[in-house]
C-alpha atoms as a PDB file:
ATOM      1  CA  MET A   1       0.000   0.000   0.000  1.00  0.00           C
ATOM      2  CA  ALA A   2       1.207   3.513  -0.791  1.00  0.00           C
ATOM      3  CA  THR A   3       2.288   5.800   2.000  1.00  0.00           C
ATOM      4  CA  LEU A   4      -0.744   7.660   3.267  1.00  0.00           C
ATOM      5  CA  LYS A   5      -0.747  11.452   3.455  1.00  0.00           C
ATOM      6  CA  ARG A   6      -2.303  13.309   6.344  1.00  0.00           C
ATOM      7  CA  ALA A   7      -4.544  16.357   5.902  1.00  0.00           C
ATOM      8  CA  THR A   8      -6.710  18.390   8.207  1.00  0.00           C
ATOM      9  CA  VAL A   9     -10.299  18.661   7.011  1.00  0.00           C
ATOM     10  CA  TYR A  10     -13.048  20.591   8.766  1.00  0.00           C
ATOM     11  CA  PHE A  11     -16.577  19.175   8.531  1.00  0.00           C
ATOM     12  CA  ASP A  12     -19.910  20.746   9.234  1.00  0.00           C
ATOM     13  CA  PRO A  13     -20.992  19.248  12.605  1.00  0.00           C
ATOM     14  CA  SER A  14     -24.053  17.489  11.159  1.00  0.00           C
ATOM     15  CA  LEU A  15     -21.992  16.019   8.325  1.00  0.00           C
ATOM     16  CA  HIS A  16     -19.347  14.829  10.779  1.00  0.00           C
ATOM     17  CA  LYS A  17     -22.033  13.158  12.901  1.00  0.00           C
ATOM     18  CA  ALA A  18     -23.479  11.426   9.816  1.00  0.00           C
ATOM     19  CA  LEU A  19     -20.003  10.234   8.808  1.00  0.00           C
ATOM     20  CA  ARG A  20     -19.315   8.845  12.283  1.00  0.00           C
ATOM     21  CA  ILE A  21     -22.646   6.995  12.264  1.00  0.00           C
ATOM     22  CA  LYS A  22     -22.007   5.569   8.790  1.00  0.00           C
ATOM     23  CA  ALA A  23     -18.473   4.574   9.760  1.00  0.00           C
ATOM     24  CA  ALA A  24     -19.759   2.714  12.795  1.00  0.00           C
ATOM     25  CA  ALA A  25     -22.591   1.057  10.872  1.00  0.00           C
ATOM     26  CA  THR A  26     -20.318  -0.095   8.050  1.00  0.00           C
ATOM     27  CA  GLU A  27     -17.289  -0.841  10.239  1.00  0.00           C
ATOM     28  CA  ARG A  28     -15.156   1.479   8.105  1.00  0.00           C
ATOM     29  CA  SER A  29     -13.012   4.405   9.168  1.00  0.00           C
ATOM     30  CA  LEU A  30     -13.898   8.029   8.449  1.00  0.00           C
ATOM     31  CA  SER A  31     -10.760   8.208   6.321  1.00  0.00           C
ATOM     32  CA  ASP A  32     -11.908   5.222   4.263  1.00  0.00           C
ATOM     33  CA  LEU A  33     -15.355   6.749   3.721  1.00  0.00           C
ATOM     34  CA  VAL A  34     -13.920  10.135   2.731  1.00  0.00           C
ATOM     35  CA  ASN A  35     -11.313   8.563   0.414  1.00  0.00           C
ATOM     36  CA  SER A  36     -14.025   6.466  -1.280  1.00  0.00           C
ATOM     37  CA  ALA A  37     -16.308   9.476  -1.739  1.00  0.00           C
ATOM     38  CA  ILE A  38     -13.520  11.612  -3.200  1.00  0.00           C
ATOM     39  CA  ARG A  39     -12.389   8.787  -5.480  1.00  0.00           C
ATOM     40  CA  ALA A  40     -15.972   8.376  -6.783  1.00  0.00           C
ATOM     41  CA  SER A  41     -16.360  12.116  -7.315  1.00  0.00           C
ATOM     42  CA  LEU A  42     -13.094  12.386  -9.234  1.00  0.00           C
ATOM     43  CA  ALA A  43     -14.005   9.361 -11.377  1.00  0.00           C
ATOM     44  CA  GLU A  44     -17.339  10.984 -12.223  1.00  0.00           C
ATOM     45  CA  ASP A  45     -15.531  14.203 -13.183  1.00  0.00           C
ATOM     46  CA  ALA A  46     -13.174  12.211 -15.421  1.00  0.00           C
ATOM     47  CA  GLU A  47     -16.148  10.507 -17.128  1.00  0.00           C
ATOM     48  CA  ASP A  48     -17.811  13.895 -17.697  1.00  0.00           C
ATOM     49  CA  LEU A  49     -14.629  15.375 -19.157  1.00  0.00           C
ATOM     50  CA  ALA A  50     -14.210  12.381 -21.455  1.00  0.00           C
ATOM     51  CA  ALA A  51     -17.810  12.737 -22.652  1.00  0.00           C
ATOM     52  CA  PHE A  52     -17.318  16.451 -23.282  1.00  0.00           C
ATOM     53  CA  GLY A  53     -14.102  15.710 -25.167  1.00  0.00           C
ATOM     54  CA  ALA A  54     -15.779  13.066 -27.310  1.00  0.00           C
ATOM     55  CA  ARG A  55     -18.544  15.501 -28.257  1.00  0.00           C
ATOM     56  CA  ALA A  56     -16.355  18.607 -28.678  1.00  0.00           C
ATOM     57  CA  LYS A  57     -16.598  18.596 -32.470  1.00  0.00           C
ATOM     58  CA  GLU A  58     -20.369  18.182 -32.582  1.00  0.00           C
ATOM     59  CA  PRO A  59     -22.276  21.242 -33.768  1.00  0.00           C
ATOM     60  CA  SER A  60     -24.022  23.351 -31.176  1.00  0.00           C
ATOM     61  CA  PHE A  61     -27.430  24.945 -31.497  1.00  0.00           C
ATOM     62  CA  THR A  62     -29.096  27.806 -29.703  1.00  0.00           C
ATOM     63  CA  PHE A  63     -32.184  27.090 -27.645  1.00  0.00           C
ATOM     64  CA  GLU A  64     -34.222  29.221 -30.024  1.00  0.00           C
ATOM     65  CA  ASP A  65     -33.043  27.202 -33.054  1.00  0.00           C
ATOM     66  CA  VAL A  66     -33.976  23.943 -31.336  1.00  0.00           C
ATOM     67  CA  LEU A  67     -37.428  25.333 -30.494  1.00  0.00           C
ATOM     68  CA  LYS A  68     -37.962  26.462 -34.084  1.00  0.00           C
ATOM     69  CA  ASP A  69     -36.939  23.032 -35.371  1.00  0.00           C
ATOM     70  CA  LEU A  70     -39.243  21.208 -32.954  1.00  0.00           C
ATOM     71  CA  LYS A  71     -42.154  23.454 -33.933  1.00  0.00           C
ATOM     72  CA  ARG A  72     -41.375  23.012 -37.650  1.00  0.00           C
ATOM     73  CA  ARG A  73     -41.447  19.216 -37.234  1.00  0.00           C
ATOM     74  CA  GLY A  74     -44.693  19.338 -35.243  1.00  0.00           C
ATOM     75  CA  LYS A  75     -43.081  18.115 -32.028  1.00  0.00           C
ATOM     76  CA  LEU A  76     -44.276  21.171 -30.088  1.00  0.00           C
END
């Protein structure tokens, strides 16, 4: 396992209480819960960035143009 790094993080009291309860209920440490949540958040960001990158060359349309097209095709 890689060497762990220590950081001081300040939680809202109600969030800290919820984390402590979840840690106890799942028999995991607060650090493990926080690391898992951050890892999931960063993975989601990476997926979003990849999706944006894949669609970067697609044409973009204004809202008004989309509305006009939908009305023209009888969808609105």
